[in-house]
Structure formats: structure tokens, C-alpha cells
Amino acid sequence: QPGNLPEFASRLTGSSDLYADDGRRPLASINFVTCHD
């Protein structure tokens, strides 16, 4: 998919856009590509 590189970089490095503001760390992110669903 085009235009995806900036978000790819954020997810690769721990998703600080999702978790840094409330004091959480990269470990707040359970990363997965597939699951049971």
C-alpha cells in the first residue's frame, strides 16, 4: 500500500503516538500480525 511508510516507522519503533502521552512505554504494545481471529 502506498503512503504507509510513516506509520510503519511508528509501529516498528513501539507506537509512541498511542502510548507515550499517558506515561506508558513500548511494552504497552502487544504486537501481532495474525491471531485466532
Full PDB file with SEQRES, HELIX, SHEET, SSBOND, CRYST1, ORIGX, SCALE, CONECT and MASTER records, all heavy atoms in Angstrom:
SEQRES   1 A   37  GLN PRO GLY ASN LEU PRO GLU PHE ALA SER ARG LEU THR          
SEQRES   2 A   37  GLY SER SER ASP LEU TYR ALA ASP ASP GLY ARG ARG PRO          
SEQRES   3 A   37  LEU ALA SER ILE ASN PHE VAL THR CYS HIS ASP                  
HELIX    1 AA1 LEU A    5  LEU A   12  1                                   8    
HELIX    2 AA2 SER A   16  TYR A   19  1                                   4    
HELIX    3 AA3 PRO A   26  ALA A   28  5                                   3    
CRYST1    1.000    1.000    1.000  90.00  90.00  90.00 P 1           1          
ORIGX1      1.000000  0.000000  0.000000        0.00000                         
ORIGX2      0.000000  1.000000  0.000000        0.00000                         
ORIGX3      0.000000  0.000000  1.000000        0.00000                         
SCALE1      1.000000  0.000000  0.000000        0.00000                         
SCALE2      0.000000  1.000000  0.000000        0.00000                         
SCALE3      0.000000  0.000000  1.000000        0.00000                         
ATOM      1  N   GLN A   1       0.831  -1.195   0.000  1.00  0.00           N  
ATOM      2  CA  GLN A   1       0.000   0.000   0.000  1.00  0.00           C  
ATOM      3  C   GLN A   1       0.875   1.258   0.000  1.00  0.00           C  
ATOM      4  O   GLN A   1       1.797   1.375   0.810  1.00  0.00           O  
ATOM      5  CB  GLN A   1      -0.906   0.022   1.230  1.00  0.00           C  
ATOM      6  CG  GLN A   1      -2.048  -0.973   1.175  1.00  0.00           C  
ATOM      7  CD  GLN A   1      -3.051  -0.641   0.099  1.00  0.00           C  
ATOM      8  OE1 GLN A   1      -3.034  -1.238  -0.979  1.00  0.00           O  
ATOM      9  NE2 GLN A   1      -3.923   0.294   0.364  1.00  0.00           N  
ATOM     10  N   PRO A   2       0.605   2.228  -0.869  1.00  0.00           N  
ATOM     11  CA  PRO A   2       1.410   3.460  -0.891  1.00  0.00           C  
ATOM     12  C   PRO A   2       1.090   4.355   0.299  1.00  0.00           C  
ATOM     13  O   PRO A   2       0.027   4.259   0.922  1.00  0.00           O  
ATOM     14  CB  PRO A   2       0.997   4.124  -2.207  1.00  0.00           C  
ATOM     15  CG  PRO A   2      -0.384   3.613  -2.474  1.00  0.00           C  
ATOM     16  CD  PRO A   2      -0.416   2.216  -1.938  1.00  0.00           C  
ATOM     17  N   GLY A   3       2.015   5.228   0.631  1.00  0.00           N  
ATOM     18  CA  GLY A   3       1.809   6.223   1.678  1.00  0.00           C  
ATOM     19  C   GLY A   3       1.806   5.651   3.079  1.00  0.00           C  
ATOM     20  O   GLY A   3       1.351   6.304   4.019  1.00  0.00           O  
ATOM     21  N   ASN A   4       2.343   4.472   3.249  1.00  0.00           N  
ATOM     22  CA  ASN A   4       2.249   3.770   4.527  1.00  0.00           C  
ATOM     23  C   ASN A   4       3.527   3.853   5.360  1.00  0.00           C  
ATOM     24  O   ASN A   4       3.531   3.450   6.523  1.00  0.00           O  
ATOM     25  CB  ASN A   4       1.897   2.292   4.259  1.00  0.00           C  
ATOM     26  CG  ASN A   4       1.534   1.514   5.497  1.00  0.00           C  
ATOM     27  OD1 ASN A   4       2.251   0.608   5.894  1.00  0.00           O  
ATOM     28  ND2 ASN A   4       0.412   1.876   6.110  1.00  0.00           N  
ATOM     29  N   LEU A   5       4.605   4.372   4.777  1.00  0.00           N  
ATOM     30  CA  LEU A   5       5.909   4.313   5.439  1.00  0.00           C  
ATOM     31  C   LEU A   5       5.961   5.043   6.779  1.00  0.00           C  
ATOM     32  O   LEU A   5       6.524   4.506   7.747  1.00  0.00           O  
ATOM     33  CB  LEU A   5       6.992   4.846   4.498  1.00  0.00           C  
ATOM     34  CG  LEU A   5       8.437   4.660   4.978  1.00  0.00           C  
ATOM     35  CD1 LEU A   5       8.750   3.174   5.189  1.00  0.00           C  
ATOM     36  CD2 LEU A   5       9.413   5.264   3.967  1.00  0.00           C  
ATOM     37  N   PRO A   6       5.403   6.262   6.929  1.00  0.00           N  
ATOM     38  CA  PRO A   6       5.488   6.920   8.239  1.00  0.00           C  
ATOM     39  C   PRO A   6       4.833   6.114   9.362  1.00  0.00           C  
ATOM     40  O   PRO A   6       5.396   5.996  10.454  1.00  0.00           O  
ATOM     41  CB  PRO A   6       4.761   8.253   8.006  1.00  0.00           C  
ATOM     42  CG  PRO A   6       4.893   8.506   6.545  1.00  0.00           C  
ATOM     43  CD  PRO A   6       4.810   7.158   5.906  1.00  0.00           C  
ATOM     44  N   GLU A   7       3.650   5.546   9.095  1.00  0.00           N  
ATOM     45  CA  GLU A   7       3.006   4.766  10.153  1.00  0.00           C  
ATOM     46  C   GLU A   7       3.750   3.462  10.396  1.00  0.00           C  
ATOM     47  O   GLU A   7       3.845   2.994  11.531  1.00  0.00           O  
ATOM     48  CB  GLU A   7       1.543   4.494   9.828  1.00  0.00           C  
ATOM     49  CG  GLU A   7       0.821   3.855  11.004  1.00  0.00           C  
ATOM     50  CD  GLU A   7      -0.693   3.925  10.905  1.00  0.00           C  
ATOM     51  OE1 GLU A   7      -1.204   4.388   9.871  1.00  0.00           O  
ATOM     52  OE2 GLU A   7      -1.345   3.514  11.878  1.00  0.00           O  
ATOM     53  N   PHE A   8       4.302   2.879   9.342  1.00  0.00           N  
ATOM     54  CA  PHE A   8       5.128   1.690   9.516  1.00  0.00           C  
ATOM     55  C   PHE A   8       6.282   1.984  10.467  1.00  0.00           C  
ATOM     56  O   PHE A   8       6.586   1.181  11.364  1.00  0.00           O  
ATOM     57  CB  PHE A   8       5.665   1.230   8.160  1.00  0.00           C  
ATOM     58  CG  PHE A   8       6.711   0.153   8.243  1.00  0.00           C  
ATOM     59  CD1 PHE A   8       6.347  -1.177   8.381  1.00  0.00           C  
ATOM     60  CD2 PHE A   8       8.059   0.474   8.179  1.00  0.00           C  
ATOM     61  CE1 PHE A   8       7.313  -2.176   8.458  1.00  0.00           C  
ATOM     62  CE2 PHE A   8       9.032  -0.512   8.254  1.00  0.00           C  
ATOM     63  CZ  PHE A   8       8.654  -1.838   8.397  1.00  0.00           C  
ATOM     64  N   ALA A   9       6.910   3.133  10.305  1.00  0.00           N  
ATOM     65  CA  ALA A   9       8.028   3.501  11.170  1.00  0.00           C  
ATOM     66  C   ALA A   9       7.584   3.658  12.616  1.00  0.00           C  
ATOM     67  O   ALA A   9       8.283   3.244  13.553  1.00  0.00           O  
ATOM     68  CB  ALA A   9       8.666   4.793  10.667  1.00  0.00           C  
ATOM     69  N   SER A  10       6.401   4.239  12.819  1.00  0.00           N  
ATOM     70  CA  SER A  10       5.892   4.423  14.175  1.00  0.00           C  
ATOM     71  C   SER A  10       5.606   3.082  14.835  1.00  0.00           C  
ATOM     72  O   SER A  10       5.941   2.867  16.010  1.00  0.00           O  
ATOM     73  CB  SER A  10       4.627   5.283  14.138  1.00  0.00           C  
ATOM     74  OG  SER A  10       4.095   5.440  15.434  1.00  0.00           O  
ATOM     75  N   ARG A  11       4.987   2.162  14.106  1.00  0.00           N  
ATOM     76  CA  ARG A  11       4.670   0.852  14.675  1.00  0.00           C  
ATOM     77  C   ARG A  11       5.943   0.050  14.939  1.00  0.00           C  
ATOM     78  O   ARG A  11       6.042  -0.642  15.960  1.00  0.00           O  
ATOM     79  CB  ARG A  11       3.748   0.065  13.744  1.00  0.00           C  
ATOM     80  CG  ARG A  11       2.474   0.795  13.396  1.00  0.00           C  
ATOM     81  CD  ARG A  11       1.523   0.974  14.577  1.00  0.00           C  
ATOM     82  NE  ARG A  11       0.587   2.055  14.315  1.00  0.00           N  
ATOM     83  CZ  ARG A  11       0.557   3.202  14.963  1.00  0.00           C  
ATOM     84  NH1 ARG A  11       1.396   3.428  15.961  1.00  0.00           N  
ATOM     85  NH2 ARG A  11      -0.304   4.149  14.651  1.00  0.00           N  
ATOM     86  N   LEU A  12       6.909   0.145  14.046  1.00  0.00           N  
ATOM     87  CA  LEU A  12       8.171  -0.583  14.214  1.00  0.00           C  
ATOM     88  C   LEU A  12       8.895  -0.159  15.489  1.00  0.00           C  
ATOM     89  O   LEU A  12       9.549  -0.976  16.146  1.00  0.00           O  
ATOM     90  CB  LEU A  12       9.070  -0.343  12.994  1.00  0.00           C  
ATOM     91  CG  LEU A  12      10.408  -1.083  12.960  1.00  0.00           C  
ATOM     92  CD1 LEU A  12      10.196  -2.559  12.657  1.00  0.00           C  
ATOM     93  CD2 LEU A  12      11.341  -0.457  11.921  1.00  0.00           C  
ATOM     94  N   THR A  13       8.749   1.092  15.860  1.00  0.00           N  
ATOM     95  CA  THR A  13       9.503   1.632  16.998  1.00  0.00           C  
ATOM     96  C   THR A  13       8.662   1.738  18.270  1.00  0.00           C  
ATOM     97  O   THR A  13       9.043   2.443  19.199  1.00  0.00           O  
ATOM     98  CB  THR A  13      10.083   3.008  16.638  1.00  0.00           C  
ATOM     99  OG1 THR A  13       9.038   3.872  16.169  1.00  0.00           O  
ATOM    100  CG2 THR A  13      11.144   2.883  15.558  1.00  0.00           C  
ATOM    101  N   GLY A  14       7.530   1.045  18.327  1.00  0.00           N  
ATOM    102  CA  GLY A  14       6.816   0.942  19.591  1.00  0.00           C  
ATOM    103  C   GLY A  14       5.539   1.731  19.719  1.00  0.00           C  
ATOM    104  O   GLY A  14       4.952   1.773  20.799  1.00  0.00           O  
ATOM    105  N   SER A  15       5.095   2.417  18.658  1.00  0.00           N  
ATOM    106  CA  SER A  15       3.815   3.145  18.662  1.00  0.00           C  
ATOM    107  C   SER A  15       3.751   4.211  19.749  1.00  0.00           C  
ATOM    108  O   SER A  15       2.819   4.273  20.554  1.00  0.00           O  
ATOM    109  CB  SER A  15       2.635   2.159  18.822  1.00  0.00           C  
ATOM    110  OG  SER A  15       2.561   1.269  17.740  1.00  0.00           O  
ATOM    111  N   SER A  16       4.740   5.083  19.760  1.00  0.00           N  
ATOM    112  CA  SER A  16       4.757   6.159  20.759  1.00  0.00           C  
ATOM    113  C   SER A  16       3.562   7.085  20.604  1.00  0.00           C  
ATOM    114  O   SER A  16       3.114   7.705  21.581  1.00  0.00           O  
ATOM    115  CB  SER A  16       6.053   6.960  20.649  1.00  0.00           C  
ATOM    116  OG  SER A  16       6.172   7.556  19.365  1.00  0.00           O  
ATOM    117  N   ASP A  17       2.999   7.178  19.381  1.00  0.00           N  
ATOM    118  CA  ASP A  17       1.834   8.033  19.182  1.00  0.00           C  
ATOM    119  C   ASP A  17       0.622   7.529  19.957  1.00  0.00           C  
ATOM    120  O   ASP A  17      -0.290   8.299  20.264  1.00  0.00           O  
ATOM    121  CB  ASP A  17       1.498   8.131  17.693  1.00  0.00           C  
ATOM    122  CG  ASP A  17       1.232   6.766  17.065  1.00  0.00           C  
ATOM    123  OD1 ASP A  17       1.911   5.786  17.439  1.00  0.00           O  
ATOM    124  OD2 ASP A  17       0.348   6.668  16.192  1.00  0.00           O  
ATOM    125  N   LEU A  18       0.609   6.242  20.297  1.00  0.00           N  
ATOM    126  CA  LEU A  18      -0.507   5.668  21.040  1.00  0.00           C  
ATOM    127  C   LEU A  18      -0.270   5.632  22.539  1.00  0.00           C  
ATOM    128  O   LEU A  18      -1.224   5.747  23.321  1.00  0.00           O  
ATOM    129  CB  LEU A  18      -0.779   4.237  20.551  1.00  0.00           C  
ATOM    130  CG  LEU A  18      -1.163   4.056  19.078  1.00  0.00           C  
ATOM    131  CD1 LEU A  18      -1.317   2.583  18.757  1.00  0.00           C  
ATOM    132  CD2 LEU A  18      -2.444   4.813  18.760  1.00  0.00           C  
ATOM    133  N   TYR A  19       0.978   5.468  22.958  1.00  0.00           N  
ATOM    134  CA  TYR A  19       1.223   5.126  24.353  1.00  0.00           C  
ATOM    135  C   TYR A  19       2.089   6.118  25.136  1.00  0.00           C  
ATOM    136  O   TYR A  19       2.090   6.072  26.370  1.00  0.00           O  
ATOM    137  CB  TYR A  19       1.871   3.735  24.426  1.00  0.00           C  
ATOM    138  CG  TYR A  19       1.053   2.682  23.740  1.00  0.00           C  
ATOM    139  CD1 TYR A  19       1.508   2.026  22.598  1.00  0.00           C  
ATOM    140  CD2 TYR A  19      -0.207   2.338  24.214  1.00  0.00           C  
ATOM    141  CE1 TYR A  19       0.742   1.062  21.959  1.00  0.00           C  
ATOM    142  CE2 TYR A  19      -0.990   1.383  23.578  1.00  0.00           C  
ATOM    143  CZ  TYR A  19      -0.502   0.745  22.446  1.00  0.00           C  
ATOM    144  OH  TYR A  19      -1.272  -0.192  21.817  1.00  0.00           O  
ATOM    145  N   ALA A  20       2.812   6.994  24.476  1.00  0.00           N  
ATOM    146  CA  ALA A  20       3.757   7.841  25.202  1.00  0.00           C  
ATOM    147  C   ALA A  20       3.067   8.935  26.012  1.00  0.00           C  
ATOM    148  O   ALA A  20       3.539   9.305  27.092  1.00  0.00           O  
ATOM    149  CB  ALA A  20       4.763   8.469  24.225  1.00  0.00           C  
ATOM    150  N   ASP A  21       1.935   9.448  25.529  1.00  0.00           N  
ATOM    151  CA  ASP A  21       1.311  10.601  26.180  1.00  0.00           C  
ATOM    152  C   ASP A  21       0.859  10.317  27.602  1.00  0.00           C  
ATOM    153  O   ASP A  21       0.838  11.222  28.447  1.00  0.00           O  
ATOM    154  CB  ASP A  21       0.106  11.087  25.354  1.00  0.00           C  
ATOM    155  CG  ASP A  21       0.537  11.787  24.079  1.00  0.00           C  
ATOM    156  OD1 ASP A  21       1.740  12.089  23.966  1.00  0.00           O  
ATOM    157  OD2 ASP A  21      -0.313  12.024  23.211  1.00  0.00           O  
ATOM    158  N   ASP A  22       0.463   9.061  27.898  1.00  0.00           N  
ATOM    159  CA  ASP A  22      -0.024   8.760  29.239  1.00  0.00           C  
ATOM    160  C   ASP A  22       1.015   8.041  30.089  1.00  0.00           C  
ATOM    161  O   ASP A  22       0.684   7.389  31.069  1.00  0.00           O  
ATOM    162  CB  ASP A  22      -1.322   7.948  29.188  1.00  0.00           C  
ATOM    163  CG  ASP A  22      -1.171   6.657  28.397  1.00  0.00           C  
ATOM    164  OD1 ASP A  22      -0.038   6.295  28.054  1.00  0.00           O  
ATOM    165  OD2 ASP A  22      -2.200   6.002  28.141  1.00  0.00           O  
ATOM    166  N   GLY A  23       2.269   8.158  29.697  1.00  0.00           N  
ATOM    167  CA  GLY A  23       3.338   7.617  30.516  1.00  0.00           C  
ATOM    168  C   GLY A  23       3.658   6.161  30.264  1.00  0.00           C  
ATOM    169  O   GLY A  23       4.534   5.595  30.924  1.00  0.00           O  
ATOM    170  N   ARG A  24       2.970   5.529  29.316  1.00  0.00           N  
ATOM    171  CA  ARG A  24       3.292   4.134  29.027  1.00  0.00           C  
ATOM    172  C   ARG A  24       4.496   4.048  28.105  1.00  0.00           C  
ATOM    173  O   ARG A  24       4.949   5.039  27.530  1.00  0.00           O  
ATOM    174  CB  ARG A  24       2.076   3.429  28.422  1.00  0.00           C  
ATOM    175  CG  ARG A  24       0.990   3.178  29.455  1.00  0.00           C  
ATOM    176  CD  ARG A  24      -0.061   2.222  28.952  1.00  0.00           C  
ATOM    177  NE  ARG A  24      -0.999   2.865  28.033  1.00  0.00           N  
ATOM    178  CZ  ARG A  24      -1.966   2.207  27.403  1.00  0.00           C  
ATOM    179  NH1 ARG A  24      -2.089   0.898  27.553  1.00  0.00           N  
ATOM    180  NH2 ARG A  24      -2.804   2.853  26.612  1.00  0.00           N  
ATOM    181  N   ARG A  25       5.002   2.846  27.962  1.00  0.00           N  
ATOM    182  CA  ARG A  25       6.236   2.612  27.218  1.00  0.00           C  
ATOM    183  C   ARG A  25       5.975   1.657  26.061  1.00  0.00           C  
ATOM    184  O   ARG A  25       4.847   1.162  25.911  1.00  0.00           O  
ATOM    185  CB  ARG A  25       7.302   2.068  28.175  1.00  0.00           C  
ATOM    186  CG  ARG A  25       7.716   3.129  29.196  1.00  0.00           C  
ATOM    187  CD  ARG A  25       8.788   2.636  30.145  1.00  0.00           C  
ATOM    188  NE  ARG A  25       9.329   3.724  30.958  1.00  0.00           N  
ATOM    189  CZ  ARG A  25      10.245   3.578  31.887  1.00  0.00           C  
ATOM    190  NH1 ARG A  25      10.737   2.371  32.149  1.00  0.00           N  
ATOM    191  NH2 ARG A  25      10.686   4.611  32.575  1.00  0.00           N  
ATOM    192  N   PRO A  26       6.967   1.360  25.240  1.00  0.00           N  
ATOM    193  CA  PRO A  26       6.729   0.458  24.106  1.00  0.00           C  
ATOM    194  C   PRO A  26       6.124  -0.873  24.521  1.00  0.00           C  
ATOM    195  O   PRO A  26       5.418  -1.511  23.736  1.00  0.00           O  
ATOM    196  CB  PRO A  26       8.129   0.267  23.515  1.00  0.00           C  
ATOM    197  CG  PRO A  26       8.890   1.479  23.912  1.00  0.00           C  
ATOM    198  CD  PRO A  26       8.357   1.878  25.252  1.00  0.00           C  
ATOM    199  N   LEU A  27       6.375  -1.285  25.757  1.00  0.00           N  
ATOM    200  CA  LEU A  27       5.893  -2.574  26.234  1.00  0.00           C  
ATOM    201  C   LEU A  27       4.386  -2.600  26.394  1.00  0.00           C  
ATOM    202  O   LEU A  27       3.800  -3.666  26.613  1.00  0.00           O  
ATOM    203  CB  LEU A  27       6.577  -2.907  27.560  1.00  0.00           C  
ATOM    204  CG  LEU A  27       8.104  -2.797  27.505  1.00  0.00           C  
ATOM    205  CD1 LEU A  27       8.712  -2.973  28.862  1.00  0.00           C  
ATOM    206  CD2 LEU A  27       8.663  -3.812  26.524  1.00  0.00           C  
ATOM    207  N   ALA A  28       3.731  -1.449  26.297  1.00  0.00           N  
ATOM    208  CA  ALA A  28       2.264  -1.423  26.316  1.00  0.00           C  
ATOM    209  C   ALA A  28       1.683  -2.005  25.038  1.00  0.00           C  
ATOM    210  O   ALA A  28       0.504  -2.349  24.997  1.00  0.00           O  
ATOM    211  CB  ALA A  28       1.763   0.004  26.510  1.00  0.00           C  
ATOM    212  N   SER A  29       2.503  -2.125  24.014  1.00  0.00           N  
ATOM    213  CA  SER A  29       2.033  -2.593  22.711  1.00  0.00           C  
ATOM    214  C   SER A  29       2.293  -4.083  22.559  1.00  0.00           C  
ATOM    215  O   SER A  29       3.442  -4.521  22.473  1.00  0.00           O  
ATOM    216  CB  SER A  29       2.745  -1.831  21.582  1.00  0.00           C  
ATOM    217  OG  SER A  29       2.329  -2.303  20.320  1.00  0.00           O  
ATOM    218  N   ILE A  30       1.212  -4.882  22.547  1.00  0.00           N  
ATOM    219  CA  ILE A  30       1.324  -6.292  22.177  1.00  0.00           C  
ATOM    220  C   ILE A  30       1.210  -6.345  20.659  1.00  0.00           C  
ATOM    221  O   ILE A  30       0.136  -6.152  20.090  1.00  0.00           O  
ATOM    222  CB  ILE A  30       0.230  -7.148  22.835  1.00  0.00           C  
ATOM    223  CG1 ILE A  30       0.228  -6.944  24.355  1.00  0.00           C  
ATOM    224  CG2 ILE A  30       0.422  -8.617  22.471  1.00  0.00           C  
ATOM    225  CD1 ILE A  30       1.496  -7.363  25.058  1.00  0.00           C  
ATOM    226  N   ASN A  31       2.333  -6.565  20.007  1.00  0.00           N  
ATOM    227  CA  ASN A  31       2.390  -6.541  18.551  1.00  0.00           C  
ATOM    228  C   ASN A  31       2.001  -7.907  17.982  1.00  0.00           C  
ATOM    229  O   ASN A  31       2.458  -8.943  18.466  1.00  0.00           O  
ATOM    230  CB  ASN A  31       3.802  -6.200  18.082  1.00  0.00           C  
ATOM    231  CG  ASN A  31       4.247  -4.818  18.539  1.00  0.00           C  
ATOM    232  OD1 ASN A  31       3.432  -3.912  18.689  1.00  0.00           O  
ATOM    233  ND2 ASN A  31       5.538  -4.650  18.758  1.00  0.00           N  
ATOM    234  N   PHE A  32       1.182  -7.889  16.961  1.00  0.00           N  
ATOM    235  CA  PHE A  32       0.813  -9.134  16.293  1.00  0.00           C  
ATOM    236  C   PHE A  32       0.434  -8.837  14.853  1.00  0.00           C  
ATOM    237  O   PHE A  32      -0.030  -7.747  14.525  1.00  0.00           O  
ATOM    238  CB  PHE A  32      -0.326  -9.842  17.030  1.00  0.00           C  
ATOM    239  CG  PHE A  32      -1.657  -9.113  16.996  1.00  0.00           C  
ATOM    240  CD1 PHE A  32      -2.679  -9.544  16.164  1.00  0.00           C  
ATOM    241  CD2 PHE A  32      -1.882  -8.000  17.795  1.00  0.00           C  
ATOM    242  CE1 PHE A  32      -3.902  -8.875  16.131  1.00  0.00           C  
ATOM    243  CE2 PHE A  32      -3.100  -7.332  17.774  1.00  0.00           C  
ATOM    244  CZ  PHE A  32      -4.115  -7.772  16.938  1.00  0.00           C  
ATOM    245  N   VAL A  33       0.667  -9.810  14.008  1.00  0.00           N  
ATOM    246  CA  VAL A  33       0.257  -9.735  12.604  1.00  0.00           C  
ATOM    247  C   VAL A  33      -0.952 -10.617  12.368  1.00  0.00           C  
ATOM    248  O   VAL A  33      -1.838 -10.299  11.580  1.00  0.00           O  
ATOM    249  CB  VAL A  33       1.422 -10.132  11.681  1.00  0.00           C  
ATOM    250  CG1 VAL A  33       0.961 -10.182  10.230  1.00  0.00           C  
ATOM    251  CG2 VAL A  33       2.587  -9.162  11.824  1.00  0.00           C  
ATOM    252  N   THR A  34      -0.991 -11.736  13.061  1.00  0.00           N  
ATOM    253  CA  THR A  34      -2.128 -12.646  12.980  1.00  0.00           C  
ATOM    254  C   THR A  34      -2.508 -13.093  14.388  1.00  0.00           C  
ATOM    255  O   THR A  34      -1.694 -13.042  15.315  1.00  0.00           O  
ATOM    256  CB  THR A  34      -1.794 -13.899  12.145  1.00  0.00           C  
ATOM    257  OG1 THR A  34      -0.686 -14.573  12.745  1.00  0.00           O  
ATOM    258  CG2 THR A  34      -1.459 -13.530  10.718  1.00  0.00           C  
ATOM    259  N   CYS A  35      -3.741 -13.543  14.541  1.00  0.00           N  
ATOM    260  CA  CYS A  35      -4.212 -14.113  15.796  1.00  0.00           C  
ATOM    261  C   CYS A  35      -5.295 -15.122  15.444  1.00  0.00           C  
ATOM    262  O   CYS A  35      -5.502 -15.439  14.268  1.00  0.00           O  
ATOM    263  CB  CYS A  35      -4.732 -13.022  16.741  1.00  0.00           C  
ATOM    264  SG  CYS A  35      -6.178 -12.135  16.107  1.00  0.00           S  
ATOM    265  N   HIS A  36      -5.994 -15.631  16.454  1.00  0.00           N  
ATOM    266  CA  HIS A  36      -7.038 -16.625  16.181  1.00  0.00           C  
ATOM    267  C   HIS A  36      -8.117 -16.084  15.257  1.00  0.00           C  
ATOM    268  O   HIS A  36      -8.719 -16.833  14.489  1.00  0.00           O  
ATOM    269  CB  HIS A  36      -7.668 -17.091  17.499  1.00  0.00           C  
ATOM    270  CG  HIS A  36      -8.472 -16.014  18.171  1.00  0.00           C  
ATOM    271  ND1 HIS A  36      -7.911 -15.108  19.057  1.00  0.00           N  
ATOM    272  CD2 HIS A  36      -9.792 -15.673  18.090  1.00  0.00           C  
ATOM    273  CE1 HIS A  36      -8.849 -14.279  19.474  1.00  0.00           C  
ATOM    274  NE2 HIS A  36      -9.998 -14.595  18.911  1.00  0.00           N  
ATOM    275  N   ASP A  37      -8.369 -14.787  15.335  1.00  0.00           N  
ATOM    276  CA  ASP A  37      -9.456 -14.152  14.593  1.00  0.00           C  
ATOM    277  C   ASP A  37      -8.909 -13.601  13.284  1.00  0.00           C  
ATOM    278  O   ASP A  37      -8.207 -12.594  13.276  1.00  0.00           O  
ATOM    279  CB  ASP A  37     -10.069 -13.038  15.441  1.00  0.00           C  
ATOM    280  CG  ASP A  37     -11.349 -12.482  14.838  1.00  0.00           C  
ATOM    281  OD1 ASP A  37     -11.787 -12.991  13.795  1.00  0.00           O  
ATOM    282  OD2 ASP A  37     -11.909 -11.536  15.417  1.00  0.00           O  
TER     283      ASP A  37                                                      
MASTER        0    0    0    3    0    0    0    6  282    1    0    3          
END                                                                             
